[in-house]
C-alpha atoms as a PDB file:
ATOM      1  CA  MET A   1     -44.135  23.502 -24.600  1.00  0.00           C
ATOM      2  CA  ARG A   2     -44.891  22.916 -21.097  1.00  0.00           C
ATOM      3  CA  THR A   3     -45.314  19.351 -21.735  1.00  0.00           C
ATOM      4  CA  PHE A   4     -42.002  18.931 -23.812  1.00  0.00           C
ATOM      5  CA  GLU A   5     -40.422  21.106 -20.547  1.00  0.00           C
ATOM      6  CA  GLY A   6     -41.543  18.552 -18.493  1.00  0.00           C
ATOM      7  CA  SER A   7     -40.840  15.927 -19.883  1.00  0.00           C
ATOM      8  CA  ALA A   8     -37.797  17.179 -20.638  1.00  0.00           C
ATOM      9  CA  VAL A   9     -36.795  17.838 -16.836  1.00  0.00           C
ATOM     10  CA  ARG A  10     -38.105  13.690 -15.859  1.00  0.00           C
ATOM     11  CA  THR A  11     -36.036  12.414 -18.537  1.00  0.00           C
ATOM     12  CA  LYS A  12     -33.121  14.452 -17.353  1.00  0.00           C
ATOM     13  CA  GLN A  13     -33.658  13.414 -13.618  1.00  0.00           C
ATOM     14  CA  GLN A  14     -33.873   9.595 -14.937  1.00  0.00           C
ATOM     15  CA  LEU A  15     -31.091  10.037 -15.818  1.00  0.00           C
ATOM     16  CA  ALA A  16     -29.051  11.070 -13.608  1.00  0.00           C
ATOM     17  CA  THR A  17     -30.758   8.234 -11.184  1.00  0.00           C
ATOM     18  CA  SER A  18     -29.505   5.438 -14.298  1.00  0.00           C
ATOM     19  CA  ASN A  19     -25.790   6.824 -13.789  1.00  0.00           C
ATOM     20  CA  THR A  20     -26.704   6.037  -9.519  1.00  0.00           C
ATOM     21  CA  ALA A  21     -27.587   2.977  -9.768  1.00  0.00           C
ATOM     22  CA  THR A  22     -24.455   2.200 -12.446  1.00  0.00           C
ATOM     23  CA  ASN A  23     -21.857   4.037 -10.216  1.00  0.00           C
ATOM     24  CA  GLU A  24     -23.086   1.829  -6.901  1.00  0.00           C
ATOM     25  CA  ALA A  25     -23.540  -2.053  -9.095  1.00  0.00           C
ATOM     26  CA  HIS A  26     -20.143  -0.997  -9.813  1.00  0.00           C
ATOM     27  CA  VAL A  27     -19.396   0.025  -6.085  1.00  0.00           C
ATOM     28  CA  LEU A  28     -20.592  -3.430  -5.675  1.00  0.00           C
ATOM     29  CA  ARG A  29     -19.116  -5.138  -7.657  1.00  0.00           C
ATOM     30  CA  GLU A  30     -15.850  -3.679  -7.433  1.00  0.00           C
ATOM     31  CA  ASP A  31     -16.813  -4.402  -2.701  1.00  0.00           C
ATOM     32  CA  ARG A  32     -17.995  -7.765  -3.894  1.00  0.00           C
ATOM     33  CA  SER A  33     -13.774  -8.173  -5.491  1.00  0.00           C
ATOM     34  CA  ARG A  34     -13.068  -7.185  -2.628  1.00  0.00           C
ATOM     35  CA  LEU A  35     -13.831  -8.970  -0.146  1.00  0.00           C
ATOM     36  CA  ALA A  36     -13.975 -11.913  -2.349  1.00  0.00           C
ATOM     37  CA  ALA A  37      -9.582 -11.981  -1.414  1.00  0.00           C
ATOM     38  CA  GLU A  38      -9.856 -11.418   1.697  1.00  0.00           C
ATOM     39  CA  LEU A  39     -11.778 -14.005   1.822  1.00  0.00           C
ATOM     40  CA  ASP A  40      -9.608 -16.038   0.136  1.00  0.00           C
ATOM     41  CA  ARG A  41      -6.776 -14.614   2.036  1.00  0.00           C
ATOM     42  CA  SER A  42      -8.362 -15.619   5.029  1.00  0.00           C
ATOM     43  CA  LYS A  43      -9.570 -19.513   4.268  1.00  0.00           C
ATOM     44  CA  ALA A  44      -5.677 -19.366   3.302  1.00  0.00           C
ATOM     45  CA  LYS A  45      -4.398 -18.359   6.383  1.00  0.00           C
ATOM     46  CA  LEU A  46      -6.811 -20.961   8.283  1.00  0.00           C
ATOM     47  CA  ALA A  47      -5.459 -23.208   6.428  1.00  0.00           C
ATOM     48  CA  ASP A  48      -1.855 -22.504   7.620  1.00  0.00           C
ATOM     49  CA  LEU A  49      -2.983 -22.486  10.748  1.00  0.00           C
ATOM     50  CA  THR A  50      -4.228 -25.635  10.996  1.00  0.00           C
ATOM     51  CA  ARG A  51      -2.054 -27.337   9.740  1.00  0.00           C
ATOM     52  CA  MET A  52       0.846 -25.268  12.208  1.00  0.00           C
ATOM     53  CA  ASN A  53      -1.259 -26.155  14.580  1.00  0.00           C
ATOM     54  CA  GLY A  54      -1.381 -30.313  13.294  1.00  0.00           C
ATOM     55  CA  GLU A  55       2.240 -29.716  13.923  1.00  0.00           C
ATOM     56  CA  ALA A  56       2.343 -28.418  17.442  1.00  0.00           C
ATOM     57  CA  VAL A  57       0.251 -31.066  18.405  1.00  0.00           C
ATOM     58  CA  ARG A  58       2.485 -33.485  17.154  1.00  0.00           C
ATOM     59  CA  ARG A  59       5.375 -32.246  19.589  1.00  0.00           C
ATOM     60  CA  ILE A  60       3.915 -31.413  22.057  1.00  0.00           C
ATOM     61  CA  ASP A  61       2.899 -35.613  22.318  1.00  0.00           C
ATOM     62  CA  THR A  62       5.742 -36.198  20.881  1.00  0.00           C
ATOM     63  CA  ALA A  63       7.893 -33.883  24.105  1.00  0.00           C
ATOM     64  CA  MET A  64       5.673 -35.549  26.595  1.00  0.00           C
ATOM     65  CA  ALA A  65       5.657 -38.901  25.537  1.00  0.00           C
ATOM     66  CA  ALA A  66       9.792 -38.579  25.941  1.00  0.00           C
ATOM     67  CA  VAL A  67       8.894 -36.858  29.344  1.00  0.00           C
ATOM     68  CA  GLN A  68       7.146 -39.437  30.584  1.00  0.00           C
ATOM     69  CA  LYS A  69       9.213 -42.488  29.213  1.00  0.00           C
ATOM     70  CA  ILE A  70      12.008 -39.533  31.346  1.00  0.00           C
ATOM     71  CA  ILE A  71       9.965 -39.782  34.498  1.00  0.00           C
ATOM     72  CA  GLU A  72       9.272 -43.812  34.363  1.00  0.00           C
ATOM     73  CA  ARG A  73      13.473 -44.462  34.816  1.00  0.00           C
ATOM     74  CA  GLU A  74      13.748 -42.507  36.999  1.00  0.00           C
ATOM     75  CA  THR A  75      10.844 -43.672  39.169  1.00  0.00           C
ATOM     76  CA  LYS A  76      12.490 -47.390  38.501  1.00  0.00           C
ATOM     77  CA  ASP A  77      15.503 -46.513  39.605  1.00  0.00           C
END
């Protein structure tokens, strides 16, 4: 009878361990999904910031060229 009880206890512990592992795997999958979505949002934001940076550089270059022309015109007079 003791062997049966010991076996039942071990089986119960194994099931508890299995359930814990299953739950942990589920949590890890959820974390992975959340992190993947966050990474996608970050990549999209980076792309937007890169595009906006390029536009800002273009505008600054245009403004600098205009200022340079004004300075050249003023120094000729």
